[in-house]
C-alpha atoms as a PDB file:
ATOM      1  CA  MET A   1     -31.048  11.176  40.805  1.00  0.00           C
ATOM      2  CA  LYS A   2     -29.397  14.339  39.459  1.00  0.00           C
ATOM      3  CA  TRP A   3     -26.812  14.189  42.247  1.00  0.00           C
ATOM      4  CA  PHE A   4     -26.127  10.518  41.417  1.00  0.00           C
ATOM      5  CA  LYS A   5     -25.528  11.294  37.712  1.00  0.00           C
ATOM      6  CA  LEU A   6     -23.169  14.139  38.535  1.00  0.00           C
ATOM      7  CA  THR A   7     -21.272  11.913  40.966  1.00  0.00           C
ATOM      8  CA  ALA A   8     -20.978   9.157  38.362  1.00  0.00           C
ATOM      9  CA  VAL A   9     -19.683  11.601  35.754  1.00  0.00           C
ATOM     10  CA  ALA A  10     -17.184  13.022  38.216  1.00  0.00           C
ATOM     11  CA  THR A  11     -15.952   9.515  39.039  1.00  0.00           C
ATOM     12  CA  VAL A  12     -15.431   8.682  35.341  1.00  0.00           C
ATOM     13  CA  VAL A  13     -13.601  11.963  34.727  1.00  0.00           C
ATOM     14  CA  ALA A  14     -11.396  11.417  37.783  1.00  0.00           C
ATOM     15  CA  ALA A  15     -10.534   7.894  36.611  1.00  0.00           C
ATOM     16  CA  ALA A  16      -9.664   9.158  33.141  1.00  0.00           C
ATOM     17  CA  VAL A  17      -7.462  11.882  34.587  1.00  0.00           C
ATOM     18  CA  ALA A  18      -5.741   9.315  36.807  1.00  0.00           C
ATOM     19  CA  VAL A  19      -5.064   7.002  33.847  1.00  0.00           C
ATOM     20  CA  GLY A  20      -3.821   9.928  31.776  1.00  0.00           C
ATOM     21  CA  SER A  21      -1.560  11.075  34.571  1.00  0.00           C
ATOM     22  CA  ALA A  22      -0.138   7.576  34.999  1.00  0.00           C
ATOM     23  CA  SER A  23       0.549   7.350  31.255  1.00  0.00           C
ATOM     24  CA  ALA A  24       2.215  10.760  31.270  1.00  0.00           C
ATOM     25  CA  ILE A  25       4.395   9.788  34.236  1.00  0.00           C
ATOM     26  CA  ALA A  26       5.402   6.555  32.475  1.00  0.00           C
ATOM     27  CA  ALA A  27       6.210   8.458  29.272  1.00  0.00           C
ATOM     28  CA  ASP A  28       8.279  10.988  31.218  1.00  0.00           C
ATOM     29  CA  ALA A  29      10.166   8.165  32.942  1.00  0.00           C
ATOM     30  CA  ALA A  30      10.908   6.504  29.605  1.00  0.00           C
ATOM     31  CA  GLU A  31      12.112   9.790  28.121  1.00  0.00           C
ATOM     32  CA  ALA A  32      14.361  10.505  31.093  1.00  0.00           C
ATOM     33  CA  PHE A  33      15.878   7.026  30.814  1.00  0.00           C
ATOM     34  CA  TYR A  34      16.445   6.953  27.045  1.00  0.00           C
ATOM     35  CA  ARG A  35      17.836  10.469  26.659  1.00  0.00           C
ATOM     36  CA  GLY A  36      21.524  10.133  25.760  1.00  0.00           C
ATOM     37  CA  LYS A  37      21.390   6.319  25.723  1.00  0.00           C
ATOM     38  CA  THR A  38      22.406   3.876  22.985  1.00  0.00           C
ATOM     39  CA  ILE A  39      20.219   0.909  22.064  1.00  0.00           C
ATOM     40  CA  GLN A  40      21.819  -2.157  20.488  1.00  0.00           C
ATOM     41  CA  VAL A  41      19.909  -4.216  17.935  1.00  0.00           C
ATOM     42  CA  LEU A  42      21.450  -7.692  17.910  1.00  0.00           C
ATOM     43  CA  VAL A  43      21.116  -9.651  14.656  1.00  0.00           C
ATOM     44  CA  GLY A  44      21.426 -13.426  14.771  1.00  0.00           C
ATOM     45  CA  PHE A  45      22.989 -13.631  11.307  1.00  0.00           C
ATOM     46  CA  SER A  46      26.005 -12.342   9.408  1.00  0.00           C
ATOM     47  CA  PRO A  47      25.875  -8.980   7.578  1.00  0.00           C
ATOM     48  CA  GLY A  48      24.197  -8.824   4.199  1.00  0.00           C
ATOM     49  CA  GLY A  49      21.245 -11.174   4.634  1.00  0.00           C
ATOM     50  CA  GLY A  50      17.562 -10.407   4.899  1.00  0.00           C
ATOM     51  CA  TYR A  51      17.383 -10.243   8.706  1.00  0.00           C
ATOM     52  CA  ASP A  52      20.415  -7.948   8.764  1.00  0.00           C
ATOM     53  CA  LEU A  53      18.974  -5.635   6.124  1.00  0.00           C
ATOM     54  CA  TYR A  54      15.635  -5.357   7.894  1.00  0.00           C
ATOM     55  CA  ALA A  55      17.333  -4.649  11.227  1.00  0.00           C
ATOM     56  CA  ARG A  56      19.632  -1.945   9.854  1.00  0.00           C
ATOM     57  CA  THR A  57      16.763  -0.226   8.069  1.00  0.00           C
ATOM     58  CA  LEU A  58      14.656  -0.238  11.244  1.00  0.00           C
ATOM     59  CA  ALA A  59      17.578   1.083  13.326  1.00  0.00           C
ATOM     60  CA  ARG A  60      17.987   4.120  11.083  1.00  0.00           C
ATOM     61  CA  TYR A  61      14.490   5.408  11.887  1.00  0.00           C
ATOM     62  CA  MET A  62      13.197   3.966  15.152  1.00  0.00           C
ATOM     63  CA  GLY A  63      15.276   6.199  17.438  1.00  0.00           C
ATOM     64  CA  LYS A  64      13.412   9.350  16.479  1.00  0.00           C
ATOM     65  CA  HIS A  65      10.152   7.759  17.604  1.00  0.00           C
ATOM     66  CA  LEU A  66      11.463   6.801  21.048  1.00  0.00           C
ATOM     67  CA  PRO A  67      11.202   9.197  23.991  1.00  0.00           C
ATOM     68  CA  GLY A  68      14.558  10.893  24.459  1.00  0.00           C
ATOM     69  CA  ASN A  69      15.635  10.010  20.882  1.00  0.00           C
ATOM     70  CA  PRO A  70      18.385   7.497  21.772  1.00  0.00           C
ATOM     71  CA  THR A  71      20.995   6.355  19.264  1.00  0.00           C
ATOM     72  CA  ILE A  72      20.356   2.894  17.804  1.00  0.00           C
ATOM     73  CA  ILE A  73      23.192   0.737  16.489  1.00  0.00           C
ATOM     74  CA  THR A  74      23.179  -2.713  14.912  1.00  0.00           C
ATOM     75  CA  GLN A  75      25.498  -5.542  15.953  1.00  0.00           C
ATOM     76  CA  ASN A  76      25.704  -8.945  14.248  1.00  0.00           C
ATOM     77  CA  MET A  77      25.854 -12.010  16.483  1.00  0.00           C
ATOM     78  CA  PRO A  78      25.619 -15.075  14.215  1.00  0.00           C
ATOM     79  CA  GLY A  79      25.764 -18.604  15.521  1.00  0.00           C
ATOM     80  CA  ALA A  80      23.746 -21.855  15.646  1.00  0.00           C
ATOM     81  CA  GLY A  81      21.031 -20.591  13.331  1.00  0.00           C
ATOM     82  CA  SER A  82      20.574 -17.498  15.570  1.00  0.00           C
ATOM     83  CA  MET A  83      20.229 -19.568  18.764  1.00  0.00           C
ATOM     84  CA  LYS A  84      23.297 -17.754  20.074  1.00  0.00           C
ATOM     85  CA  VAL A  85      21.661 -14.349  19.977  1.00  0.00           C
ATOM     86  CA  MET A  86      18.421 -15.637  21.518  1.00  0.00           C
ATOM     87  CA  ASN A  87      20.321 -17.202  24.420  1.00  0.00           C
ATOM     88  CA  TYR A  88      22.372 -14.024  24.905  1.00  0.00           C
ATOM     89  CA  LEU A  89      19.339 -11.752  24.782  1.00  0.00           C
ATOM     90  CA  TYR A  90      17.470 -13.910  27.283  1.00  0.00           C
ATOM     91  CA  ASN A  91      20.270 -14.511  29.776  1.00  0.00           C
ATOM     92  CA  ALA A  92      23.098 -11.996  29.408  1.00  0.00           C
ATOM     93  CA  ALA A  93      21.856  -8.772  27.807  1.00  0.00           C
ATOM     94  CA  ARG A  94      20.951  -5.881  30.101  1.00  0.00           C
ATOM     95  CA  LYS A  95      17.264  -5.992  30.978  1.00  0.00           C
ATOM     96  CA  ASP A  96      16.826  -2.241  30.952  1.00  0.00           C
ATOM     97  CA  GLY A  97      15.440  -1.634  27.454  1.00  0.00           C
ATOM     98  CA  THR A  98      18.773  -0.916  25.748  1.00  0.00           C
ATOM     99  CA  PHE A  99      18.971  -4.284  23.976  1.00  0.00           C
ATOM    100  CA  ILE A 100      16.636  -5.774  21.417  1.00  0.00           C
ATOM    101  CA  GLY A 101      17.292  -8.617  19.001  1.00  0.00           C
ATOM    102  CA  THR A 102      16.085 -10.241  15.814  1.00  0.00           C
ATOM    103  CA  PHE A 103      16.505 -13.922  14.963  1.00  0.00           C
ATOM    104  CA  ALA A 104      15.197 -16.788  12.866  1.00  0.00           C
ATOM    105  CA  ARG A 105      11.460 -17.120  13.266  1.00  0.00           C
ATOM    106  CA  GLY A 106      11.706 -20.909  13.329  1.00  0.00           C
ATOM    107  CA  MET A 107      14.175 -20.868  16.227  1.00  0.00           C
ATOM    108  CA  VAL A 108      11.423 -19.433  18.435  1.00  0.00           C
ATOM    109  CA  PHE A 109       9.589 -22.768  18.347  1.00  0.00           C
ATOM    110  CA  GLU A 110      12.507 -25.220  18.534  1.00  0.00           C
ATOM    111  CA  PRO A 111      12.059 -25.975  22.273  1.00  0.00           C
ATOM    112  CA  LEU A 112       8.340 -26.623  21.770  1.00  0.00           C
ATOM    113  CA  LEU A 113       9.025 -29.112  18.989  1.00  0.00           C
ATOM    114  CA  GLY A 114      11.475 -31.109  21.057  1.00  0.00           C
ATOM    115  CA  HIS A 115      14.689 -29.605  19.690  1.00  0.00           C
ATOM    116  CA  ALA A 116      15.782 -27.899  22.890  1.00  0.00           C
ATOM    117  CA  LYS A 117      19.457 -28.900  22.745  1.00  0.00           C
ATOM    118  CA  GLY A 118      21.490 -25.748  23.209  1.00  0.00           C
ATOM    119  CA  THR A 119      18.489 -23.485  23.772  1.00  0.00           C
ATOM    120  CA  ALA A 120      18.429 -21.496  27.002  1.00  0.00           C
ATOM    121  CA  PHE A 121      15.309 -19.368  26.640  1.00  0.00           C
ATOM    122  CA  ASP A 122      11.554 -19.405  27.164  1.00  0.00           C
ATOM    123  CA  ALA A 123       9.992 -17.796  24.091  1.00  0.00           C
ATOM    124  CA  THR A 124       6.826 -16.852  25.972  1.00  0.00           C
ATOM    125  CA  LYS A 125       8.811 -14.648  28.378  1.00  0.00           C
ATOM    126  CA  PHE A 126      10.510 -12.363  25.847  1.00  0.00           C
ATOM    127  CA  ASN A 127       9.069  -8.865  25.534  1.00  0.00           C
ATOM    128  CA  TRP A 128       7.968  -8.935  21.913  1.00  0.00           C
ATOM    129  CA  ILE A 129       8.344  -5.583  20.155  1.00  0.00           C
ATOM    130  CA  GLY A 130       6.828  -6.523  16.782  1.00  0.00           C
ATOM    131  CA  SER A 131       7.520  -8.065  13.390  1.00  0.00           C
ATOM    132  CA  ILE A 132       8.190  -6.008  10.278  1.00  0.00           C
ATOM    133  CA  SER A 133       6.626  -8.591   8.009  1.00  0.00           C
ATOM    134  CA  ASN A 134       3.901 -11.210   8.024  1.00  0.00           C
ATOM    135  CA  GLU A 135       5.778 -13.489   5.690  1.00  0.00           C
ATOM    136  CA  VAL A 136       4.832 -15.757   2.852  1.00  0.00           C
ATOM    137  CA  SER A 137       7.476 -18.236   1.726  1.00  0.00           C
ATOM    138  CA  VAL A 138       7.344 -20.302  -1.441  1.00  0.00           C
ATOM    139  CA  CYS A 139       8.557 -23.385  -3.235  1.00  0.00           C
ATOM    140  CA  ALA A 140      10.184 -22.300  -6.495  1.00  0.00           C
ATOM    141  CA  PHE A 141      11.896 -24.292  -9.241  1.00  0.00           C
ATOM    142  CA  TRP A 142      14.475 -23.479 -11.897  1.00  0.00           C
ATOM    143  CA  HIS A 143      12.890 -22.846 -15.267  1.00  0.00           C
ATOM    144  CA  THR A 144      14.557 -25.876 -16.885  1.00  0.00           C
ATOM    145  CA  SER A 145      13.272 -28.247 -14.191  1.00  0.00           C
ATOM    146  CA  ALA A 146      10.411 -30.622 -14.963  1.00  0.00           C
ATOM    147  CA  ILE A 147       8.531 -29.234 -11.928  1.00  0.00           C
ATOM    148  CA  LYS A 148       6.069 -26.586 -13.056  1.00  0.00           C
ATOM    149  CA  SER A 149       3.196 -27.142 -10.619  1.00  0.00           C
ATOM    150  CA  TRP A 150       2.086 -28.794  -7.360  1.00  0.00           C
ATOM    151  CA  GLU A 151       0.837 -31.732  -9.415  1.00  0.00           C
ATOM    152  CA  ASP A 152       4.366 -32.154 -10.782  1.00  0.00           C
ATOM    153  CA  MET A 153       5.771 -32.125  -7.248  1.00  0.00           C
ATOM    154  CA  LYS A 154       3.446 -35.021  -6.378  1.00  0.00           C
ATOM    155  CA  THR A 155       4.352 -37.164  -9.384  1.00  0.00           C
ATOM    156  CA  LYS A 156       7.861 -36.318 -10.633  1.00  0.00           C
ATOM    157  CA  ALA A 157      11.155 -36.968  -8.854  1.00  0.00           C
ATOM    158  CA  HIS A 158      12.956 -33.782  -7.862  1.00  0.00           C
ATOM    159  CA  LYS A 159      15.744 -32.430  -5.637  1.00  0.00           C
ATOM    160  CA  ILE A 160      15.360 -29.550  -3.214  1.00  0.00           C
ATOM    161  CA  GLY A 161      18.297 -27.534  -1.898  1.00  0.00           C
ATOM    162  CA  GLY A 162      18.565 -26.803   1.832  1.00  0.00           C
ATOM    163  CA  SER A 163      20.981 -25.158   4.238  1.00  0.00           C
ATOM    164  CA  ALA A 164      20.713 -26.881   7.640  1.00  0.00           C
ATOM    165  CA  ALA A 165      18.379 -28.783   9.950  1.00  0.00           C
ATOM    166  CA  GLY A 166      15.864 -26.438  11.528  1.00  0.00           C
ATOM    167  CA  ALA A 167      16.105 -23.827   8.763  1.00  0.00           C
ATOM    168  CA  ASP A 168      12.983 -23.044   6.734  1.00  0.00           C
ATOM    169  CA  SER A 169      14.797 -24.341   3.644  1.00  0.00           C
ATOM    170  CA  ASP A 170      14.909 -27.803   5.246  1.00  0.00           C
ATOM    171  CA  VAL A 171      11.768 -27.793   7.380  1.00  0.00           C
ATOM    172  CA  PHE A 172       9.151 -27.002   4.745  1.00  0.00           C
ATOM    173  CA  PRO A 173      10.244 -29.490   2.078  1.00  0.00           C
ATOM    174  CA  THR A 174      10.518 -32.158   4.779  1.00  0.00           C
ATOM    175  CA  VAL A 175       6.961 -31.442   5.935  1.00  0.00           C
ATOM    176  CA  LEU A 176       5.625 -31.621   2.384  1.00  0.00           C
ATOM    177  CA  ARG A 177       7.546 -34.804   1.626  1.00  0.00           C
ATOM    178  CA  LYS A 178       6.364 -36.612   4.743  1.00  0.00           C
ATOM    179  CA  VAL A 179       2.719 -35.532   4.691  1.00  0.00           C
ATOM    180  CA  TYR A 180       2.190 -36.023   0.943  1.00  0.00           C
ATOM    181  CA  ASN A 181       4.721 -38.792   0.256  1.00  0.00           C
ATOM    182  CA  LEU A 182       6.450 -36.723  -2.421  1.00  0.00           C
ATOM    183  CA  PRO A 183       9.177 -38.190  -4.683  1.00  0.00           C
ATOM    184  CA  MET A 184      11.511 -35.538  -3.278  1.00  0.00           C
ATOM    185  CA  LYS A 185      15.138 -35.647  -2.163  1.00  0.00           C
ATOM    186  CA  LEU A 186      16.449 -32.934   0.146  1.00  0.00           C
ATOM    187  CA  VAL A 187      20.054 -31.964  -0.618  1.00  0.00           C
ATOM    188  CA  THR A 188      21.112 -30.018   2.443  1.00  0.00           C
ATOM    189  CA  GLY A 189      24.395 -28.414   3.466  1.00  0.00           C
ATOM    190  CA  TYR A 190      24.388 -25.236   1.345  1.00  0.00           C
ATOM    191  CA  SER A 191      26.097 -23.347   4.155  1.00  0.00           C
ATOM    192  CA  GLY A 192      25.962 -20.022   2.345  1.00  0.00           C
ATOM    193  CA  GLY A 193      22.183 -20.062   2.586  1.00  0.00           C
ATOM    194  CA  GLY A 194      19.828 -18.915  -0.137  1.00  0.00           C
ATOM    195  CA  ALA A 195      22.459 -17.522  -2.471  1.00  0.00           C
ATOM    196  CA  ASP A 196      24.274 -20.870  -2.538  1.00  0.00           C
ATOM    197  CA  ILE A 197      21.039 -22.756  -3.156  1.00  0.00           C
ATOM    198  CA  ASN A 198      20.308 -20.444  -6.079  1.00  0.00           C
ATOM    199  CA  LEU A 199      23.712 -21.280  -7.549  1.00  0.00           C
ATOM    200  CA  GLY A 200      22.921 -24.949  -7.019  1.00  0.00           C
ATOM    201  CA  MET A 201      19.758 -24.510  -9.083  1.00  0.00           C
ATOM    202  CA  GLU A 202      21.658 -22.740 -11.850  1.00  0.00           C
ATOM    203  CA  ARG A 203      24.284 -25.494 -11.921  1.00  0.00           C
ATOM    204  CA  GLY A 204      21.617 -28.192 -12.033  1.00  0.00           C
ATOM    205  CA  GLU A 205      22.570 -29.711  -8.682  1.00  0.00           C
ATOM    206  CA  VAL A 206      19.028 -29.225  -7.408  1.00  0.00           C
ATOM    207  CA  ASP A 207      15.709 -28.439  -9.068  1.00  0.00           C
ATOM    208  CA  GLY A 208      14.432 -25.859  -6.609  1.00  0.00           C
ATOM    209  CA  ARG A 209      14.069 -24.645  -3.063  1.00  0.00           C
ATOM    210  CA  CYS A 210      11.241 -24.411  -0.521  1.00  0.00           C
ATOM    211  CA  GLY A 211      10.904 -22.055   2.398  1.00  0.00           C
ATOM    212  CA  TRP A 212      12.187 -19.214   0.212  1.00  0.00           C
ATOM    213  CA  SER A 213      10.959 -15.895   1.606  1.00  0.00           C
ATOM    214  CA  TYR A 214       8.913 -14.181  -1.088  1.00  0.00           C
ATOM    215  CA  SER A 215      10.032 -10.761   0.121  1.00  0.00           C
ATOM    216  CA  SER A 216      13.693 -11.843  -0.009  1.00  0.00           C
ATOM    217  CA  MET A 217      13.117 -13.255  -3.473  1.00  0.00           C
ATOM    218  CA  LEU A 218      11.879  -9.875  -4.650  1.00  0.00           C
ATOM    219  CA  SER A 219      14.606  -7.870  -2.899  1.00  0.00           C
ATOM    220  CA  GLN A 220      17.633 -10.102  -3.545  1.00  0.00           C
ATOM    221  CA  SER A 221      16.726 -12.223  -6.594  1.00  0.00           C
ATOM    222  CA  LYS A 222      14.462  -9.936  -8.572  1.00  0.00           C
ATOM    223  CA  ALA A 223      16.378 -10.596 -11.781  1.00  0.00           C
ATOM    224  CA  LEU A 224      15.448 -14.280 -11.561  1.00  0.00           C
ATOM    225  CA  VAL A 225      11.777 -13.364 -11.217  1.00  0.00           C
ATOM    226  CA  GLU A 226      11.755 -10.763 -13.976  1.00  0.00           C
ATOM    227  CA  GLY A 227      13.831 -13.002 -16.246  1.00  0.00           C
ATOM    228  CA  LYS A 228      11.392 -15.887 -15.660  1.00  0.00           C
ATOM    229  CA  LYS A 229      14.212 -18.104 -14.463  1.00  0.00           C
ATOM    230  CA  ILE A 230      12.070 -19.571 -11.688  1.00  0.00           C
ATOM    231  CA  ASN A 231       8.547 -20.941 -11.342  1.00  0.00           C
ATOM    232  CA  ILE A 232       6.660 -20.469  -8.068  1.00  0.00           C
ATOM    233  CA  VAL A 233       4.484 -23.524  -7.447  1.00  0.00           C
ATOM    234  CA  MET A 234       3.556 -23.431  -3.733  1.00  0.00           C
ATOM    235  CA  GLN A 235       2.923 -20.890  -0.947  1.00  0.00           C
ATOM    236  CA  LEU A 236       3.956 -21.639   2.634  1.00  0.00           C
ATOM    237  CA  ALA A 237       1.921 -19.427   4.968  1.00  0.00           C
ATOM    238  CA  LEU A 238      -1.374 -19.267   6.825  1.00  0.00           C
ATOM    239  CA  GLU A 239      -2.884 -17.027   4.137  1.00  0.00           C
ATOM    240  CA  LYS A 240      -2.128 -16.327   0.477  1.00  0.00           C
ATOM    241  CA  HIS A 241      -0.026 -13.375  -0.573  1.00  0.00           C
ATOM    242  CA  GLU A 242      -1.967 -10.829  -2.593  1.00  0.00           C
ATOM    243  CA  ASP A 243       0.540 -11.198  -5.466  1.00  0.00           C
ATOM    244  CA  LEU A 244       0.134 -14.984  -5.629  1.00  0.00           C
ATOM    245  CA  GLN A 245      -3.586 -15.620  -5.674  1.00  0.00           C
ATOM    246  CA  ASN A 246      -3.306 -18.373  -8.298  1.00  0.00           C
ATOM    247  CA  VAL A 247      -0.532 -20.282  -6.504  1.00  0.00           C
ATOM    248  CA  PRO A 248      -1.639 -23.132  -4.165  1.00  0.00           C
ATOM    249  CA  LEU A 249      -1.389 -22.547  -0.401  1.00  0.00           C
ATOM    250  CA  ILE A 250      -0.104 -25.276   1.908  1.00  0.00           C
ATOM    251  CA  MET A 251      -3.037 -24.784   4.291  1.00  0.00           C
ATOM    252  CA  ASP A 252      -5.523 -25.425   1.456  1.00  0.00           C
ATOM    253  CA  LEU A 253      -4.081 -28.835   0.579  1.00  0.00           C
ATOM    254  CA  PRO A 254      -6.076 -31.879   1.697  1.00  0.00           C
ATOM    255  CA  ALA A 255      -4.756 -33.557   4.847  1.00  0.00           C
ATOM    256  CA  SER A 256      -5.981 -35.359   7.939  1.00  0.00           C
ATOM    257  CA  PRO A 257      -7.203 -33.096  10.773  1.00  0.00           C
ATOM    258  CA  GLN A 258      -4.107 -33.903  12.841  1.00  0.00           C
ATOM    259  CA  ASP A 259      -1.712 -33.217   9.948  1.00  0.00           C
ATOM    260  CA  LYS A 260      -3.598 -30.016   9.139  1.00  0.00           C
ATOM    261  CA  ALA A 261      -3.232 -28.835  12.745  1.00  0.00           C
ATOM    262  CA  ALA A 262       0.455 -29.805  12.774  1.00  0.00           C
ATOM    263  CA  MET A 263       1.111 -27.942   9.520  1.00  0.00           C
ATOM    264  CA  ARG A 264      -0.678 -24.906  10.922  1.00  0.00           C
ATOM    265  CA  LEU A 265       1.584 -24.972  13.978  1.00  0.00           C
ATOM    266  CA  ILE A 266       4.712 -25.178  11.806  1.00  0.00           C
ATOM    267  CA  THR A 267       3.525 -22.619   9.266  1.00  0.00           C
ATOM    268  CA  SER A 268       2.453 -20.102  11.919  1.00  0.00           C
ATOM    269  CA  ARG A 269       6.089 -18.992  12.197  1.00  0.00           C
ATOM    270  CA  GLN A 270       5.532 -17.158   8.908  1.00  0.00           C
ATOM    271  CA  ALA A 271       3.227 -14.698  10.677  1.00  0.00           C
ATOM    272  CA  ILE A 272       6.235 -13.367  12.628  1.00  0.00           C
ATOM    273  CA  ALA A 273       8.697 -13.368   9.767  1.00  0.00           C
ATOM    274  CA  ARG A 274      11.008 -10.591  10.977  1.00  0.00           C
ATOM    275  CA  PRO A 275      10.564 -10.586  14.768  1.00  0.00           C
ATOM    276  CA  PHE A 276      12.149  -8.193  17.253  1.00  0.00           C
ATOM    277  CA  ALA A 277      12.177  -8.800  20.992  1.00  0.00           C
ATOM    278  CA  ALA A 278      13.599  -7.392  24.201  1.00  0.00           C
ATOM    279  CA  PRO A 279      14.771  -9.545  27.127  1.00  0.00           C
ATOM    280  CA  PRO A 280      12.384 -10.553  29.912  1.00  0.00           C
ATOM    281  CA  GLY A 281      12.375  -8.223  32.887  1.00  0.00           C
ATOM    282  CA  VAL A 282      12.444  -4.894  31.022  1.00  0.00           C
ATOM    283  CA  PRO A 283      10.346  -2.273  32.893  1.00  0.00           C
ATOM    284  CA  PRO A 284       6.809  -2.102  31.428  1.00  0.00           C
ATOM    285  CA  GLU A 285       6.977   1.601  30.520  1.00  0.00           C
ATOM    286  CA  ARG A 286      10.099   0.956  28.407  1.00  0.00           C
ATOM    287  CA  VAL A 287       8.501  -2.047  26.707  1.00  0.00           C
ATOM    288  CA  LYS A 288       5.555   0.180  25.837  1.00  0.00           C
ATOM    289  CA  ALA A 289       7.899   2.880  24.557  1.00  0.00           C
ATOM    290  CA  LEU A 290       9.726   0.357  22.350  1.00  0.00           C
ATOM    291  CA  ARG A 291       6.477  -1.081  20.997  1.00  0.00           C
ATOM    292  CA  ASP A 292       5.014   2.361  20.302  1.00  0.00           C
ATOM    293  CA  ALA A 293       8.212   3.451  18.553  1.00  0.00           C
ATOM    294  CA  PHE A 294       8.259   0.276  16.447  1.00  0.00           C
ATOM    295  CA  ASP A 295       4.626   0.825  15.403  1.00  0.00           C
ATOM    296  CA  ALA A 296       5.315   4.478  14.575  1.00  0.00           C
ATOM    297  CA  THR A 297       8.363   3.523  12.498  1.00  0.00           C
ATOM    298  CA  MET A 298       6.246   1.156  10.401  1.00  0.00           C
ATOM    299  CA  LYS A 299       4.200   4.221   9.353  1.00  0.00           C
ATOM    300  CA  ASP A 300       7.143   6.603   9.011  1.00  0.00           C
ATOM    301  CA  PRO A 301       7.152   7.858   5.378  1.00  0.00           C
ATOM    302  CA  ASP A 302      10.964   7.913   5.274  1.00  0.00           C
ATOM    303  CA  PHE A 303      11.211   4.333   6.559  1.00  0.00           C
ATOM    304  CA  VAL A 304       8.538   3.144   4.133  1.00  0.00           C
ATOM    305  CA  LYS A 305      10.282   4.936   1.265  1.00  0.00           C
ATOM    306  CA  GLU A 306      13.632   3.304   2.037  1.00  0.00           C
ATOM    307  CA  ALA A 307      12.052  -0.119   2.539  1.00  0.00           C
ATOM    308  CA  THR A 308      10.358   0.245  -0.838  1.00  0.00           C
ATOM    309  CA  ARG A 309      13.648   1.240  -2.468  1.00  0.00           C
ATOM    310  CA  LEU A 310      15.311  -1.831  -0.965  1.00  0.00           C
ATOM    311  CA  ALA A 311      12.349  -4.046  -1.970  1.00  0.00           C
ATOM    312  CA  LEU A 312      11.739  -4.934   1.684  1.00  0.00           C
ATOM    313  CA  GLU A 313       8.186  -6.030   2.310  1.00  0.00           C
ATOM    314  CA  VAL A 314       6.547  -4.166   5.187  1.00  0.00           C
ATOM    315  CA  ARG A 315       3.451  -5.964   6.504  1.00  0.00           C
ATOM    316  CA  PRO A 316       3.844  -5.294  10.228  1.00  0.00           C
ATOM    317  CA  VAL A 317       2.523  -7.244  13.208  1.00  0.00           C
ATOM    318  CA  ASN A 318       2.512  -5.376  16.524  1.00  0.00           C
ATOM    319  CA  GLY A 319       4.201  -6.679  19.646  1.00  0.00           C
ATOM    320  CA  ALA A 320       1.010  -7.606  21.490  1.00  0.00           C
ATOM    321  CA  ASP A 321      -0.153  -9.743  18.559  1.00  0.00           C
ATOM    322  CA  VAL A 322       3.236 -11.457  18.257  1.00  0.00           C
ATOM    323  CA  ASP A 323       3.122 -12.243  21.972  1.00  0.00           C
ATOM    324  CA  LYS A 324      -0.436 -13.605  21.661  1.00  0.00           C
ATOM    325  CA  LEU A 325       0.465 -15.826  18.702  1.00  0.00           C
ATOM    326  CA  ILE A 326       3.495 -17.324  20.450  1.00  0.00           C
ATOM    327  CA  ARG A 327       1.521 -18.058  23.605  1.00  0.00           C
ATOM    328  CA  GLU A 328      -1.227 -19.718  21.560  1.00  0.00           C
ATOM    329  CA  ILE A 329       1.274 -21.894  19.704  1.00  0.00           C
ATOM    330  CA  TYR A 330       2.988 -22.959  22.929  1.00  0.00           C
ATOM    331  CA  ALA A 331      -0.441 -23.928  24.286  1.00  0.00           C
ATOM    332  CA  SER A 332      -1.079 -26.323  21.371  1.00  0.00           C
ATOM    333  CA  PRO A 333      -2.419 -29.808  22.295  1.00  0.00           C
ATOM    334  CA  PRO A 334       0.360 -32.359  22.969  1.00  0.00           C
ATOM    335  CA  ASP A 335      -0.744 -34.653  20.126  1.00  0.00           C
ATOM    336  CA  VAL A 336      -0.497 -31.796  17.615  1.00  0.00           C
ATOM    337  CA  VAL A 337       2.939 -30.805  18.915  1.00  0.00           C
ATOM    338  CA  LYS A 338       4.073 -34.435  18.702  1.00  0.00           C
ATOM    339  CA  ARG A 339       2.904 -34.773  15.103  1.00  0.00           C
ATOM    340  CA  ALA A 340       4.504 -31.456  14.127  1.00  0.00           C
ATOM    341  CA  SER A 341       7.787 -32.632  15.610  1.00  0.00           C
ATOM    342  CA  GLU A 342       7.540 -35.912  13.643  1.00  0.00           C
ATOM    343  CA  ILE A 343       6.989 -34.280  10.258  1.00  0.00           C
ATOM    344  CA  GLU A 344       9.312 -31.285  10.425  1.00  0.00           C
ATOM    345  CA  ARG A 345      12.590 -33.275  10.592  1.00  0.00           C
END
């Protein structure tokens, strides 16, 4: 019996040493590869927006947490609501760990929802690095509007500003209007995005906007919040934001089981609000290195300090959890996917 116990212990120790050795070899290989290299972070939007700001802030700090301390640069690649960068990352970018990209969270699910025109990617095959934020978006209305609450949205006619089909600014109000038969009109075509919609509210062209990132509101439109120029009446997320406990959540509204499941599918994109991914086919040890570096950056005091200064919300989701969520969504029952497709456009 004593011999058996000693043998068992020796086997466990040998296995642990083998695993440790394999990890060390993988780490050494990643360091040898990344030393002296340059990593490009592709951004699916023009400079100056929220995705661009998050990407540039990440790029300034992530390199020091990667083996070999490579240089990281940011390159904007706008087009088709960030479809262009997703297609490029999936099909054309080098699959060696020197390219990662960030793009609209909603674009990830367009093929699933039957809007595959122009898409040339399989979202489940990207190597997901992580998301900087688990987002909450809101419906907010100009202070002079008659809409002060969810009850007002259900009973009073109002106009919502949007940018383009498939964008959060168009998707969420459309979902609310169709599921709850709201007296709402969507005025889309504000090509400049959120800033243009804000001007539309100020000019009285529209009453408010939905699908407005709460973190972007705080970082880019803080004066409107502090000056009480807007009223937040609805949260669009799977869970409430800690700052908005008294504001209704879309998932808490009454709805049929099928509509509830469809809204959950659509709203789940909020959980990966600022996603970063590498192409399929990147060697596993480099994917691990990128994920570990991303996670370490989220805890880096200098990164956190700068993000705080820029009013960027940091509520990270690691790469494995992003990958799990996307696979779960793509495995949704066909009837739920069909209903989600019907109500989002």
